[in-house]
Amino acid sequence: MADINHPQPRGAPVRILQRILVALALAASATLVAPTGPAQAQVGHDVEICFPADSENGNQVIWNCHLITVPKVALKPGPWPDECLSCPTYVDFLDQVKPWEQWEYLDRLGQGLFLLSRAKLTKDPKLHTRLRQRATEQFLLSAETLHGTGILLGDTGWVDLQNDKVYGDNTLIPLGTHLVEGLMLMQPPVPGDPTPQPNIDKAMYHFNLALKELEILYAG
């Protein structure tokens, strides 16, 4: 959630045009993706990850939740709290954006993770490439919404959405850390960076590691 006490300014103007061109190129390739049909059916199980966001009045937390596909789910996966074995994971970020912008970057992040998780499981090489391109586009748009400001990791754990109760768990810190690293690397480069592509590749590496953390968690 937003935290004005943890500023992380980039401290330099960004090359917006370059990022727009990259995003447009990825968006153009994403339009070629056809809906997944029976011949392209993917194995796996959909699980949920949630991000808390501030409401506009600042007095209420709203949950931005997304499905992520993992290869398998054990009978009792991970270190879930006994009080809430069906609780989804949550990751809280400390940022400096407005509530409506916060919702947008979290929503783009969640969509990117979903697309990347599907890309990892598909056996169709072309579909894998296209889904990964779409995921990259969403991550880029998510990072752009941060306007070059920083983002820090807050709390991690499990959330009981029905009762609006959270259970903190530090074992999920690696998951959150990889998401933060990915978002920071996806932000527009400062002067001196050769091109954004090396940073994008590094960012995707961290997003893949975040998904790996979820896969291990749910595998039990």
Protein backbone atom coordinates (compact mmCIF):
# COMPACT_ATOMS: atom_id res chain seq x y z
CA MET A 1 0.00 0.00 0.00
CA ALA A 2 1.08 3.59 -0.49
CA ASP A 3 3.70 4.85 1.93
CA ILE A 4 4.98 8.40 1.59
CA ASN A 5 7.61 7.70 4.25
CA HIS A 6 9.58 5.38 1.97
CA PRO A 7 10.49 7.44 -1.11
CA GLN A 8 12.63 5.79 -3.74
CA PRO A 9 13.01 8.42 -6.49
CA ARG A 10 14.83 7.50 -9.63
CA GLY A 11 16.36 10.94 -9.70
CA ALA A 12 16.68 11.33 -13.48
CA PRO A 13 14.45 11.93 -16.52
CA VAL A 14 13.32 8.84 -18.40
CA ARG A 15 13.39 8.03 -22.06
CA ILE A 16 9.65 7.73 -22.51
CA LEU A 17 9.63 7.45 -26.27
CA GLN A 18 11.89 4.42 -26.22
CA ARG A 19 9.64 2.65 -23.71
CA ILE A 20 6.51 3.50 -25.68
CA LEU A 21 8.02 1.98 -28.82
CA VAL A 22 8.90 -1.21 -26.95
CA ALA A 23 5.44 -1.44 -25.42
CA LEU A 24 3.74 -0.80 -28.77
CA ALA A 25 5.82 -3.50 -30.44
CA LEU A 26 4.84 -5.98 -27.75
CA ALA A 27 1.21 -4.90 -27.94
CA ALA A 28 1.17 -5.42 -31.70
CA SER A 29 2.49 -8.96 -31.33
CA ALA A 30 -0.02 -9.67 -28.57
CA THR A 31 -2.95 -9.04 -30.92
CA LEU A 32 -1.95 -12.14 -32.86
CA VAL A 33 -2.80 -14.44 -29.94
CA ALA A 34 -5.73 -16.74 -30.60
CA PRO A 35 -7.96 -18.02 -27.79
CA THR A 36 -6.76 -21.23 -26.20
CA GLY A 37 -8.60 -24.17 -27.73
CA PRO A 38 -8.84 -27.86 -26.89
CA ALA A 39 -5.72 -28.65 -28.88
CA GLN A 40 -3.79 -26.12 -26.79
CA ALA A 41 -5.25 -27.13 -23.43
CA GLN A 42 -2.93 -26.44 -20.53
CA VAL A 43 -2.46 -28.60 -17.48
CA GLY A 44 -2.26 -27.12 -14.03
CA HIS A 45 -4.40 -25.63 -11.30
CA ASP A 46 -5.52 -22.04 -10.85
CA VAL A 47 -4.67 -20.54 -7.47
CA GLU A 48 -5.00 -16.98 -6.22
CA ILE A 49 -2.59 -14.22 -5.25
CA CYS A 50 -3.80 -10.92 -3.79
CA PHE A 51 -2.42 -7.42 -3.41
CA PRO A 52 -3.89 -4.92 -0.90
CA ALA A 53 -4.64 -1.48 -2.29
CA ASP A 54 -5.80 1.78 -0.71
CA SER A 55 -9.28 3.07 -1.38
CA GLU A 56 -9.64 6.68 -2.49
CA ASN A 57 -10.66 7.83 0.99
CA GLY A 58 -7.65 6.04 2.48
CA ASN A 59 -9.70 4.39 5.24
CA GLN A 60 -10.36 1.04 3.62
CA VAL A 61 -8.22 -1.68 2.13
CA ILE A 62 -9.46 -3.28 -1.07
CA TRP A 63 -8.00 -6.51 -2.41
CA ASN A 64 -6.78 -6.87 -5.96
CA CYS A 65 -6.71 -10.64 -6.56
CA HIS A 66 -5.62 -12.67 -9.59
CA LEU A 67 -5.53 -16.29 -10.65
CA ILE A 68 -2.14 -17.90 -11.25
CA THR A 69 -1.72 -21.33 -12.81
CA VAL A 70 0.62 -23.75 -11.01
CA PRO A 71 1.53 -27.29 -12.17
CA LYS A 72 0.06 -29.09 -9.16
CA VAL A 73 -1.52 -28.53 -5.76
CA ALA A 74 -0.83 -30.80 -2.79
CA LEU A 75 -3.52 -31.84 -0.33
CA LYS A 76 -2.05 -29.49 2.25
CA PRO A 77 0.28 -27.17 0.38
CA GLY A 78 2.68 -24.82 2.02
CA PRO A 79 2.72 -23.40 5.54
CA TRP A 80 -0.91 -22.24 5.47
CA PRO A 81 -2.32 -21.10 8.85
CA ASP A 82 -4.54 -23.78 10.40
CA GLU A 83 -7.31 -21.20 10.72
CA CYS A 84 -7.39 -20.58 6.99
CA LEU A 85 -6.19 -23.47 4.84
CA SER A 86 -7.90 -22.01 1.76
CA CYS A 87 -6.47 -18.50 2.14
CA PRO A 88 -4.68 -17.09 -0.91
CA THR A 89 -1.22 -15.58 -0.60
CA TYR A 90 -0.83 -11.83 -0.43
CA VAL A 91 2.02 -9.40 -1.06
CA ASP A 92 1.88 -5.80 0.12
CA PHE A 93 3.98 -3.12 -1.58
CA LEU A 94 5.04 0.31 -0.30
CA ASP A 95 4.70 2.86 -3.08
CA GLN A 96 4.04 6.54 -3.77
CA VAL A 97 1.25 6.50 -6.34
CA LYS A 98 -2.37 7.61 -6.10
CA PRO A 99 -5.02 5.01 -5.16
CA TRP A 100 -6.37 4.72 -8.71
CA GLU A 101 -2.86 4.39 -10.12
CA GLN A 102 -2.02 1.86 -7.44
CA TRP A 103 -4.96 -0.28 -8.49
CA GLU A 104 -3.84 -0.06 -12.13
CA TYR A 105 -0.25 -1.16 -11.57
CA LEU A 106 -1.35 -4.00 -9.27
CA ASP A 107 -3.95 -5.10 -11.81
CA ARG A 108 -1.38 -5.09 -14.63
CA LEU A 109 1.06 -6.99 -12.43
CA GLY A 110 -1.53 -9.65 -11.67
CA GLN A 111 -2.49 -10.02 -15.33
CA GLY A 112 1.16 -10.34 -16.28
CA LEU A 113 1.72 -13.09 -13.71
CA PHE A 114 -1.33 -14.98 -14.94
CA LEU A 115 -0.20 -14.83 -18.58
CA LEU A 116 3.36 -15.80 -17.69
CA SER A 117 2.14 -18.74 -15.60
CA ARG A 118 0.11 -19.98 -18.58
CA ALA A 119 3.08 -19.51 -20.89
CA LYS A 120 5.23 -21.69 -18.64
CA LEU A 121 2.77 -24.59 -18.82
CA THR A 122 1.74 -24.62 -22.46
CA LYS A 123 3.36 -27.22 -24.73
CA ASP A 124 2.78 -25.10 -27.85
CA PRO A 125 6.02 -23.14 -28.56
CA LYS A 126 4.24 -20.42 -30.53
CA LEU A 127 1.60 -19.95 -27.86
CA HIS A 128 4.33 -19.87 -25.22
CA THR A 129 6.08 -17.02 -27.05
CA ARG A 130 2.89 -15.05 -27.54
CA LEU A 131 1.71 -15.44 -23.95
CA ARG A 132 5.14 -14.39 -22.72
CA GLN A 133 5.01 -11.32 -24.96
CA ARG A 134 1.62 -10.39 -23.58
CA ALA A 135 2.89 -10.89 -20.03
CA THR A 136 5.89 -8.65 -20.76
CA GLU A 137 3.56 -5.97 -22.07
CA GLN A 138 1.49 -6.05 -18.89
CA PHE A 139 4.58 -5.84 -16.69
CA LEU A 140 5.85 -2.86 -18.69
CA LEU A 141 2.52 -1.07 -18.34
CA SER A 142 2.46 -1.86 -14.62
CA ALA A 143 5.92 -0.39 -14.10
CA GLU A 144 5.10 2.69 -16.21
CA THR A 145 2.26 3.51 -13.82
CA LEU A 146 4.80 3.97 -11.02
CA HIS A 147 6.10 7.07 -12.89
CA GLY A 148 9.72 6.30 -12.13
CA THR A 149 9.22 6.19 -8.37
CA GLY A 150 10.44 3.34 -6.25
CA ILE A 151 8.61 0.46 -4.67
CA LEU A 152 9.49 -1.46 -1.51
CA LEU A 153 8.27 -4.74 -0.12
CA GLY A 154 5.83 -4.50 2.76
CA ASP A 155 4.17 -7.47 4.44
CA THR A 156 3.62 -10.94 3.01
CA GLY A 157 1.36 -13.75 4.13
CA TRP A 158 -2.16 -15.11 3.73
CA VAL A 159 -5.47 -13.27 3.57
CA ASP A 160 -8.92 -14.39 4.69
CA LEU A 161 -10.95 -12.38 2.18
CA GLN A 162 -14.29 -13.31 3.68
CA ASN A 163 -13.39 -12.04 7.15
CA ASP A 164 -10.90 -9.38 6.01
CA LYS A 165 -8.14 -10.85 8.17
CA VAL A 166 -4.49 -11.33 7.33
CA TYR A 167 -1.88 -13.77 8.60
CA GLY A 168 1.64 -12.47 8.17
CA ASP A 169 4.30 -14.95 7.05
CA ASN A 170 7.93 -14.07 6.44
CA THR A 171 8.50 -17.28 4.46
CA LEU A 172 6.80 -15.52 1.54
CA ILE A 173 9.37 -12.70 1.47
CA PRO A 174 11.30 -14.25 -1.48
CA LEU A 175 8.09 -14.19 -3.53
CA GLY A 176 7.55 -10.51 -2.79
CA THR A 177 11.22 -9.65 -3.30
CA HIS A 178 11.25 -11.06 -6.82
CA LEU A 179 8.10 -9.11 -7.69
CA VAL A 180 9.67 -5.87 -6.44
CA GLU A 181 12.89 -6.54 -8.37
CA GLY A 182 10.90 -7.27 -11.52
CA LEU A 183 8.88 -4.07 -11.28
CA MET A 184 11.94 -1.94 -10.59
CA LEU A 185 13.80 -3.38 -13.58
CA MET A 186 10.77 -2.84 -15.83
CA GLN A 187 10.74 0.89 -15.13
CA PRO A 188 12.07 3.26 -17.79
CA PRO A 189 15.87 3.33 -17.82
CA VAL A 190 17.87 6.29 -16.60
CA PRO A 191 20.31 8.02 -18.96
CA GLY A 192 23.33 5.83 -19.54
CA ASP A 193 21.45 2.54 -19.94
CA PRO A 194 22.15 1.24 -23.48
CA THR A 195 18.65 -0.05 -24.22
CA PRO A 196 15.73 -1.22 -22.10
CA GLN A 197 15.99 -4.79 -23.38
CA PRO A 198 18.63 -6.09 -20.94
CA ASN A 199 16.56 -4.77 -18.03
CA ILE A 200 13.42 -6.37 -19.43
CA ASP A 201 15.17 -9.74 -19.66
CA LYS A 202 16.38 -9.43 -16.07
CA ALA A 203 12.91 -8.40 -14.93
CA MET A 204 11.31 -11.42 -16.59
CA TYR A 205 13.86 -13.61 -14.84
CA HIS A 206 12.63 -12.31 -11.46
CA PHE A 207 8.96 -12.70 -12.40
CA ASN A 208 9.68 -16.31 -13.36
CA LEU A 209 11.37 -16.85 -9.99
CA ALA A 210 8.32 -15.38 -8.25
CA LEU A 211 6.12 -17.92 -10.01
CA LYS A 212 8.57 -20.66 -9.03
CA GLU A 213 8.14 -19.64 -5.39
CA LEU A 214 4.38 -20.06 -5.78
CA GLU A 215 4.79 -23.41 -7.49
CA ILE A 216 6.95 -24.73 -4.64
CA LEU A 217 4.51 -23.34 -2.10
CA TYR A 218 1.50 -25.10 -3.56
CA ALA A 219 3.32 -28.33 -4.28
CA GLY A 220 3.50 -29.00 -0.54
